[in-house]
Amino acid sequence: MQKPVFRRFHDLTPADLNVDYQMHTNYTDGECSIFEILEECSNRHLRSVAFTEHVRRSTDWFDKFADDVAETAKQFPDIQVFGGCEAKALDYDGTLDASPEILARAQIVLGSVHRFPGPNGKEMEFNDIPLDRFAELECDLSVGLLRNAPIDVLAHPAGMYQRRVGEYPSELFRRIIEASLERDIAVEISWSYLKNIDEFLKLCQELNPRVSIGSDVHKLNHVGQCRDMLMARRVGVA
């Protein structure tokens, strides 16, 4: 099965930036259809994109979605299009909320942290978690995914903390990126979630992980935003 190619940070070129590997449609919480997003990708001159729809183990529509992506992509021959999924961590061992059938069909699998499992197996309420523990727990969940889960990309690292609190501790970002190197899993440079983008890019420059570029597209005006952010910072320019 063909999958996207994820470069190490030092190897990025301008062409490698011209992609978007996290996009969501009206199959789940996105606003637009597959066709509408691909039309905008064409307008924005993206060369390679991935639809990474939110799934759970109980999801029963993924084959229809993947077929729809493949069929619609035929209308845009100048864009390389992948059909994949985003699945959340269920525990600190990297168990994914996705069925084996979905994982077998997906051309790209994003693992993400969206909820924090508590000691009794129930999800913890974010407001009940002390801030210092919040950051540590999200790091532990991310490392579990990187070390054990059948994923291609860690999506929006530390996104829950950054959405609710602000800039994530640099030493924990370092721990996450170092864990990504163990199995050579890509970490996402996320336009949507990263608050301290320059600090994250500095760590990527130092540690040189494989990276994925994702705008977390839910609306048409999100398409290509991560590329534009990186180009403005001259990432990939020797």
C-alpha atoms as a PDB file:
ATOM      1  CA  MET A   1       0.000   0.000   0.000  1.00  0.00           C
ATOM      2  CA  GLN A   2       1.351   3.400  -0.969  1.00  0.00           C
ATOM      3  CA  LYS A   3       1.791   5.856   1.879  1.00  0.00           C
ATOM      4  CA  PRO A   4       3.020   9.445   2.113  1.00  0.00           C
ATOM      5  CA  VAL A   5       6.758   9.986   2.422  1.00  0.00           C
ATOM      6  CA  PHE A   6       7.780  11.818   5.570  1.00  0.00           C
ATOM      7  CA  ARG A   7      11.151  13.565   5.392  1.00  0.00           C
ATOM      8  CA  ARG A   8      13.483  14.336   8.224  1.00  0.00           C
ATOM      9  CA  PHE A   9      13.371  17.982   9.159  1.00  0.00           C
ATOM     10  CA  HIS A  10      16.848  18.726   7.764  1.00  0.00           C
ATOM     11  CA  ASP A  11      15.901  17.159   4.418  1.00  0.00           C
ATOM     12  CA  LEU A  12      12.787  19.268   3.786  1.00  0.00           C
ATOM     13  CA  THR A  13      12.654  21.184   0.533  1.00  0.00           C
ATOM     14  CA  PRO A  14      10.048  23.717  -0.652  1.00  0.00           C
ATOM     15  CA  ALA A  15       8.350  20.907  -2.579  1.00  0.00           C
ATOM     16  CA  ASP A  16       8.075  18.827   0.598  1.00  0.00           C
ATOM     17  CA  LEU A  17       6.192  21.688   2.272  1.00  0.00           C
ATOM     18  CA  ASN A  18       3.586  21.810  -0.465  1.00  0.00           C
ATOM     19  CA  VAL A  19       1.377  19.193   1.205  1.00  0.00           C
ATOM     20  CA  ASP A  20      -1.379  18.889   3.796  1.00  0.00           C
ATOM     21  CA  TYR A  21      -1.621  15.606   5.672  1.00  0.00           C
ATOM     22  CA  GLN A  22      -4.451  16.245   8.110  1.00  0.00           C
ATOM     23  CA  MET A  23      -7.843  17.078   6.615  1.00  0.00           C
ATOM     24  CA  HIS A  24     -11.391  16.387   7.828  1.00  0.00           C
ATOM     25  CA  THR A  25     -14.617  16.384   5.839  1.00  0.00           C
ATOM     26  CA  ASN A  26     -18.340  16.364   6.511  1.00  0.00           C
ATOM     27  CA  TYR A  27     -18.075  12.626   7.092  1.00  0.00           C
ATOM     28  CA  THR A  28     -17.278  13.730  10.657  1.00  0.00           C
ATOM     29  CA  ASP A  29     -16.664  17.243  12.026  1.00  0.00           C
ATOM     30  CA  GLY A  30     -15.473  19.052   8.903  1.00  0.00           C
ATOM     31  CA  GLU A  31     -17.674  21.514   7.050  1.00  0.00           C
ATOM     32  CA  CYS A  32     -16.969  20.487   3.462  1.00  0.00           C
ATOM     33  CA  SER A  33     -17.117  17.537   1.104  1.00  0.00           C
ATOM     34  CA  ILE A  34     -14.128  15.676  -0.251  1.00  0.00           C
ATOM     35  CA  PHE A  35     -14.647  17.310  -3.649  1.00  0.00           C
ATOM     36  CA  GLU A  36     -14.841  20.831  -2.202  1.00  0.00           C
ATOM     37  CA  ILE A  37     -11.617  20.354  -0.256  1.00  0.00           C
ATOM     38  CA  LEU A  38      -9.759  18.877  -3.223  1.00  0.00           C
ATOM     39  CA  GLU A  39     -10.946  21.759  -5.389  1.00  0.00           C
ATOM     40  CA  GLU A  40      -9.463  24.179  -2.849  1.00  0.00           C
ATOM     41  CA  CYS A  41      -6.266  22.109  -2.684  1.00  0.00           C
ATOM     42  CA  SER A  42      -6.008  22.485  -6.448  1.00  0.00           C
ATOM     43  CA  ASN A  43      -6.582  26.236  -6.168  1.00  0.00           C
ATOM     44  CA  ARG A  44      -3.845  26.418  -3.516  1.00  0.00           C
ATOM     45  CA  HIS A  45      -1.502  24.317  -5.707  1.00  0.00           C
ATOM     46  CA  LEU A  46      -0.900  21.562  -3.150  1.00  0.00           C
ATOM     47  CA  ARG A  47       0.828  18.542  -4.643  1.00  0.00           C
ATOM     48  CA  SER A  48      -0.034  15.865  -2.052  1.00  0.00           C
ATOM     49  CA  VAL A  49      -2.797  15.650   0.577  1.00  0.00           C
ATOM     50  CA  ALA A  50      -4.392  13.198   2.982  1.00  0.00           C
ATOM     51  CA  PHE A  51      -7.926  12.904   4.285  1.00  0.00           C
ATOM     52  CA  THR A  52      -7.571  11.648   7.850  1.00  0.00           C
ATOM     53  CA  GLU A  53     -11.084  11.226   9.146  1.00  0.00           C
ATOM     54  CA  HIS A  54     -11.814  10.730  12.844  1.00  0.00           C
ATOM     55  CA  VAL A  55     -12.637   7.096  13.599  1.00  0.00           C
ATOM     56  CA  ARG A  56     -13.458   4.816  16.492  1.00  0.00           C
ATOM     57  CA  ARG A  57     -13.439   1.051  16.810  1.00  0.00           C
ATOM     58  CA  SER A  58     -17.190   1.130  16.195  1.00  0.00           C
ATOM     59  CA  THR A  59     -16.917   3.148  12.956  1.00  0.00           C
ATOM     60  CA  ASP A  60     -18.744   1.269  10.207  1.00  0.00           C
ATOM     61  CA  TRP A  61     -18.468   3.723   7.289  1.00  0.00           C
ATOM     62  CA  PHE A  62     -14.722   3.822   6.700  1.00  0.00           C
ATOM     63  CA  ASP A  63     -14.733   1.657   3.562  1.00  0.00           C
ATOM     64  CA  LYS A  64     -17.334   3.957   1.975  1.00  0.00           C
ATOM     65  CA  PHE A  65     -15.245   6.973   2.942  1.00  0.00           C
ATOM     66  CA  ALA A  66     -12.029   5.467   1.533  1.00  0.00           C
ATOM     67  CA  ASP A  67     -13.810   4.542  -1.693  1.00  0.00           C
ATOM     68  CA  ASP A  68     -15.224   8.073  -1.933  1.00  0.00           C
ATOM     69  CA  VAL A  69     -11.743   9.584  -1.480  1.00  0.00           C
ATOM     70  CA  ALA A  70     -10.264   7.328  -4.160  1.00  0.00           C
ATOM     71  CA  GLU A  71     -13.082   7.992  -6.642  1.00  0.00           C
ATOM     72  CA  THR A  72     -13.113  11.769  -6.125  1.00  0.00           C
ATOM     73  CA  ALA A  73      -9.323  11.925  -6.410  1.00  0.00           C
ATOM     74  CA  LYS A  74      -9.606  10.785 -10.041  1.00  0.00           C
ATOM     75  CA  GLN A  75     -10.958  14.246 -10.869  1.00  0.00           C
ATOM     76  CA  PHE A  76      -7.730  15.846  -9.596  1.00  0.00           C
ATOM     77  CA  PRO A  77      -4.890  13.982 -11.336  1.00  0.00           C
ATOM     78  CA  ASP A  78      -2.312  16.637 -10.431  1.00  0.00           C
ATOM     79  CA  ILE A  79      -2.731  15.960  -6.694  1.00  0.00           C
ATOM     80  CA  GLN A  80      -1.544  12.840  -4.903  1.00  0.00           C
ATOM     81  CA  VAL A  81      -4.427  11.930  -2.588  1.00  0.00           C
ATOM     82  CA  PHE A  82      -4.368   9.533   0.362  1.00  0.00           C
ATOM     83  CA  GLY A  83      -7.294   8.223   2.380  1.00  0.00           C
ATOM     84  CA  GLY A  84      -6.578   7.675   6.052  1.00  0.00           C
ATOM     85  CA  CYS A  85      -7.756   8.109   9.596  1.00  0.00           C
ATOM     86  CA  GLU A  86      -7.096   9.806  12.906  1.00  0.00           C
ATOM     87  CA  ALA A  87      -7.585   7.662  16.005  1.00  0.00           C
ATOM     88  CA  LYS A  88      -7.145   8.613  19.639  1.00  0.00           C
ATOM     89  CA  ALA A  89      -5.156   6.870  22.356  1.00  0.00           C
ATOM     90  CA  LEU A  90      -7.266   4.750  24.696  1.00  0.00           C
ATOM     91  CA  ASP A  91      -4.549   4.186  27.282  1.00  0.00           C
ATOM     92  CA  TYR A  92      -0.923   4.925  28.122  1.00  0.00           C
ATOM     93  CA  ASP A  93       0.280   1.827  26.239  1.00  0.00           C
ATOM     94  CA  GLY A  94      -0.678   3.242  22.851  1.00  0.00           C
ATOM     95  CA  THR A  95      -3.890   1.306  22.245  1.00  0.00           C
ATOM     96  CA  LEU A  96      -5.760   2.978  19.376  1.00  0.00           C
ATOM     97  CA  ASP A  97      -9.488   3.550  19.124  1.00  0.00           C
ATOM     98  CA  ALA A  98      -9.600   1.998  15.653  1.00  0.00           C
ATOM     99  CA  SER A  99     -10.534  -1.428  14.322  1.00  0.00           C
ATOM    100  CA  PRO A 100      -8.043  -3.720  12.561  1.00  0.00           C
ATOM    101  CA  GLU A 101     -10.114  -3.377   9.387  1.00  0.00           C
ATOM    102  CA  ILE A 102      -9.766   0.415   9.384  1.00  0.00           C
ATOM    103  CA  LEU A 103      -6.039   0.247  10.076  1.00  0.00           C
ATOM    104  CA  ALA A 104      -5.577  -2.222   7.229  1.00  0.00           C
ATOM    105  CA  ARG A 105      -7.406   0.022   4.752  1.00  0.00           C
ATOM    106  CA  ALA A 106      -5.973   3.391   5.795  1.00  0.00           C
ATOM    107  CA  GLN A 107      -3.084   4.726   3.714  1.00  0.00           C
ATOM    108  CA  ILE A 108      -2.033   6.990   6.579  1.00  0.00           C
ATOM    109  CA  VAL A 109      -2.807   6.560  10.282  1.00  0.00           C
ATOM    110  CA  LEU A 110      -2.620   9.509  12.643  1.00  0.00           C
ATOM    111  CA  GLY A 111      -2.496   8.778  16.356  1.00  0.00           C
ATOM    112  CA  SER A 112      -3.694  11.578  18.606  1.00  0.00           C
ATOM    113  CA  VAL A 113      -4.411  12.478  22.205  1.00  0.00           C
ATOM    114  CA  HIS A 114      -7.931  13.782  22.710  1.00  0.00           C
ATOM    115  CA  ARG A 115      -8.953  12.335  26.062  1.00  0.00           C
ATOM    116  CA  PHE A 116      -7.092  11.321  29.212  1.00  0.00           C
ATOM    117  CA  PRO A 117      -7.962   7.897  30.652  1.00  0.00           C
ATOM    118  CA  GLY A 118      -8.179   7.820  34.441  1.00  0.00           C
ATOM    119  CA  PRO A 119      -7.136   5.063  36.849  1.00  0.00           C
ATOM    120  CA  ASN A 120     -10.635   3.564  36.782  1.00  0.00           C
ATOM    121  CA  GLY A 121     -10.721   3.447  32.993  1.00  0.00           C
ATOM    122  CA  LYS A 122     -13.091   6.388  32.686  1.00  0.00           C
ATOM    123  CA  GLU A 123     -12.080   9.545  30.869  1.00  0.00           C
ATOM    124  CA  MET A 124     -10.865  12.331  33.128  1.00  0.00           C
ATOM    125  CA  GLU A 125     -12.467  15.766  33.067  1.00  0.00           C
ATOM    126  CA  PHE A 126      -9.895  18.306  31.856  1.00  0.00           C
ATOM    127  CA  ASN A 127     -10.907  20.828  34.511  1.00  0.00           C
ATOM    128  CA  ASP A 128     -10.123  18.291  37.238  1.00  0.00           C
ATOM    129  CA  ILE A 129      -6.512  17.765  36.148  1.00  0.00           C
ATOM    130  CA  PRO A 130      -3.815  19.951  37.808  1.00  0.00           C
ATOM    131  CA  LEU A 131      -1.879  21.894  35.173  1.00  0.00           C
ATOM    132  CA  ASP A 132       1.475  20.294  35.970  1.00  0.00           C
ATOM    133  CA  ARG A 133      -0.070  16.816  35.682  1.00  0.00           C
ATOM    134  CA  PHE A 134      -1.977  17.821  32.532  1.00  0.00           C
ATOM    135  CA  ALA A 135       1.258  18.431  30.638  1.00  0.00           C
ATOM    136  CA  GLU A 136       2.893  15.221  31.942  1.00  0.00           C
ATOM    137  CA  LEU A 137      -0.118  13.038  31.197  1.00  0.00           C
ATOM    138  CA  GLU A 138      -0.367  14.284  27.638  1.00  0.00           C
ATOM    139  CA  CYS A 139       3.327  13.582  27.172  1.00  0.00           C
ATOM    140  CA  ASP A 140       2.925  10.051  28.561  1.00  0.00           C
ATOM    141  CA  LEU A 141      -0.003   9.329  26.239  1.00  0.00           C
ATOM    142  CA  SER A 142       1.955  10.649  23.258  1.00  0.00           C
ATOM    143  CA  VAL A 143       5.014   8.569  24.091  1.00  0.00           C
ATOM    144  CA  GLY A 144       2.808   5.484  24.431  1.00  0.00           C
ATOM    145  CA  LEU A 145       1.502   6.039  20.911  1.00  0.00           C
ATOM    146  CA  LEU A 146       4.969   6.613  19.494  1.00  0.00           C
ATOM    147  CA  ARG A 147       6.441   3.522  21.117  1.00  0.00           C
ATOM    148  CA  ASN A 148       3.632   1.040  20.575  1.00  0.00           C
ATOM    149  CA  ALA A 149       0.806   2.105  18.266  1.00  0.00           C
ATOM    150  CA  PRO A 150       0.540   1.182  14.552  1.00  0.00           C
ATOM    151  CA  ILE A 151       0.672   4.825  13.460  1.00  0.00           C
ATOM    152  CA  ASP A 152       2.481   6.784  10.763  1.00  0.00           C
ATOM    153  CA  VAL A 153       2.200  10.182  12.468  1.00  0.00           C
ATOM    154  CA  LEU A 154       1.721  11.593  15.948  1.00  0.00           C
ATOM    155  CA  ALA A 155      -0.918  14.233  15.269  1.00  0.00           C
ATOM    156  CA  HIS A 156      -0.856  17.699  16.888  1.00  0.00           C
ATOM    157  CA  PRO A 157       1.559  16.818  19.736  1.00  0.00           C
ATOM    158  CA  ALA A 158       0.473  18.368  23.051  1.00  0.00           C
ATOM    159  CA  GLY A 159      -2.577  19.821  21.352  1.00  0.00           C
ATOM    160  CA  MET A 160      -4.951  19.418  24.293  1.00  0.00           C
ATOM    161  CA  TYR A 161      -2.679  21.320  26.657  1.00  0.00           C
ATOM    162  CA  GLN A 162      -2.022  24.067  24.146  1.00  0.00           C
ATOM    163  CA  ARG A 163      -5.717  24.535  23.372  1.00  0.00           C
ATOM    164  CA  ARG A 164      -6.646  24.810  27.046  1.00  0.00           C
ATOM    165  CA  VAL A 165      -3.567  26.257  28.752  1.00  0.00           C
ATOM    166  CA  GLY A 166      -1.051  27.724  26.312  1.00  0.00           C
ATOM    167  CA  GLU A 167       2.585  27.100  25.447  1.00  0.00           C
ATOM    168  CA  TYR A 168       3.748  23.569  26.202  1.00  0.00           C
ATOM    169  CA  PRO A 169       6.900  22.932  28.274  1.00  0.00           C
ATOM    170  CA  SER A 170       9.891  22.604  25.970  1.00  0.00           C
ATOM    171  CA  GLU A 171      11.401  19.695  27.932  1.00  0.00           C
ATOM    172  CA  LEU A 172       8.230  17.649  27.350  1.00  0.00           C
ATOM    173  CA  PHE A 173       8.198  18.461  23.642  1.00  0.00           C
ATOM    174  CA  ARG A 174      11.794  17.216  23.621  1.00  0.00           C
ATOM    175  CA  ARG A 175      10.732  13.961  25.282  1.00  0.00           C
ATOM    176  CA  ILE A 176       8.007  13.454  22.665  1.00  0.00           C
ATOM    177  CA  ILE A 177      10.317  14.121  19.724  1.00  0.00           C
ATOM    178  CA  GLU A 178      13.014  11.868  21.166  1.00  0.00           C
ATOM    179  CA  ALA A 179      10.431   9.068  21.490  1.00  0.00           C
ATOM    180  CA  SER A 180       9.464   9.564  17.826  1.00  0.00           C
ATOM    181  CA  LEU A 181      13.037   8.764  16.836  1.00  0.00           C
ATOM    182  CA  GLU A 182      12.925   5.330  18.472  1.00  0.00           C
ATOM    183  CA  ARG A 183      10.610   3.883  15.799  1.00  0.00           C
ATOM    184  CA  ASP A 184      11.137   6.598  13.188  1.00  0.00           C
ATOM    185  CA  ILE A 185       7.543   7.823  13.470  1.00  0.00           C
ATOM    186  CA  ALA A 186       6.735  11.262  12.058  1.00  0.00           C
ATOM    187  CA  VAL A 187       5.609  14.043  14.381  1.00  0.00           C
ATOM    188  CA  GLU A 188       3.175  16.559  13.004  1.00  0.00           C
ATOM    189  CA  ILE A 189       3.978  20.223  12.615  1.00  0.00           C
ATOM    190  CA  SER A 190       0.483  21.479  13.349  1.00  0.00           C
ATOM    191  CA  TRP A 191      -0.752  24.869  12.181  1.00  0.00           C
ATOM    192  CA  SER A 192      -3.934  24.500  14.221  1.00  0.00           C
ATOM    193  CA  TYR A 193      -2.549  23.583  17.648  1.00  0.00           C
ATOM    194  CA  LEU A 194       1.024  24.779  18.070  1.00  0.00           C
ATOM    195  CA  LYS A 195       1.279  27.873  20.265  1.00  0.00           C
ATOM    196  CA  ASN A 196       5.071  28.015  20.543  1.00  0.00           C
ATOM    197  CA  ILE A 197       5.776  27.098  16.933  1.00  0.00           C
ATOM    198  CA  ASP A 198       9.257  28.591  16.857  1.00  0.00           C
ATOM    199  CA  GLU A 199      10.349  26.612  19.913  1.00  0.00           C
ATOM    200  CA  PHE A 200       8.970  23.432  18.347  1.00  0.00           C
ATOM    201  CA  LEU A 201      10.801  24.122  15.083  1.00  0.00           C
ATOM    202  CA  LYS A 202      13.993  24.789  17.034  1.00  0.00           C
ATOM    203  CA  LEU A 203      13.711  21.320  18.602  1.00  0.00           C
ATOM    204  CA  CYS A 204      13.054  19.808  15.172  1.00  0.00           C
ATOM    205  CA  GLN A 205      16.193  21.501  13.896  1.00  0.00           C
ATOM    206  CA  GLU A 206      18.192  20.080  16.799  1.00  0.00           C
ATOM    207  CA  LEU A 207      16.762  16.540  16.912  1.00  0.00           C
ATOM    208  CA  ASN A 208      15.910  16.081  13.208  1.00  0.00           C
ATOM    209  CA  PRO A 209      12.809  13.854  13.444  1.00  0.00           C
ATOM    210  CA  ARG A 210      10.622  12.832  10.554  1.00  0.00           C
ATOM    211  CA  VAL A 211       7.839  15.375  10.261  1.00  0.00           C
ATOM    212  CA  SER A 212       4.370  15.572   8.800  1.00  0.00           C
ATOM    213  CA  ILE A 213       2.772  18.862   7.755  1.00  0.00           C
ATOM    214  CA  GLY A 214      -0.871  19.257   8.726  1.00  0.00           C
ATOM    215  CA  SER A 215      -3.324  22.138   8.882  1.00  0.00           C
ATOM    216  CA  ASP A 216      -6.058  20.106  10.640  1.00  0.00           C
ATOM    217  CA  VAL A 217      -8.421  21.239   7.895  1.00  0.00           C
ATOM    218  CA  HIS A 218     -12.061  21.573   8.959  1.00  0.00           C
ATOM    219  CA  LYS A 219     -12.928  24.595   6.774  1.00  0.00           C
ATOM    220  CA  LEU A 220     -11.841  25.601   3.285  1.00  0.00           C
ATOM    221  CA  ASN A 221      -9.775  28.515   4.537  1.00  0.00           C
ATOM    222  CA  HIS A 222      -7.655  26.097   6.578  1.00  0.00           C
ATOM    223  CA  VAL A 223      -6.275  24.392   3.464  1.00  0.00           C
ATOM    224  CA  GLY A 224      -2.536  24.962   3.053  1.00  0.00           C
ATOM    225  CA  GLN A 225      -2.186  27.067   6.210  1.00  0.00           C
ATOM    226  CA  CYS A 226       0.610  24.917   7.645  1.00  0.00           C
ATOM    227  CA  ARG A 227       2.563  25.145   4.399  1.00  0.00           C
ATOM    228  CA  ASP A 228       2.184  28.903   4.354  1.00  0.00           C
ATOM    229  CA  MET A 229       3.302  29.210   7.980  1.00  0.00           C
ATOM    230  CA  LEU A 230       6.441  27.175   7.305  1.00  0.00           C
ATOM    231  CA  MET A 231       7.261  28.981   4.075  1.00  0.00           C
ATOM    232  CA  ALA A 232       6.998  32.308   5.898  1.00  0.00           C
ATOM    233  CA  ARG A 233       9.635  30.988   8.313  1.00  0.00           C
ATOM    234  CA  ARG A 234      11.770  29.754   5.380  1.00  0.00           C
ATOM    235  CA  VAL A 235      11.692  26.175   6.561  1.00  0.00           C
ATOM    236  CA  GLY A 236      13.119  23.913   3.855  1.00  0.00           C
ATOM    237  CA  VAL A 237      15.179  26.690   2.287  1.00  0.00           C
ATOM    238  CA  ALA A 238      18.904  25.934   2.333  1.00  0.00           C
END
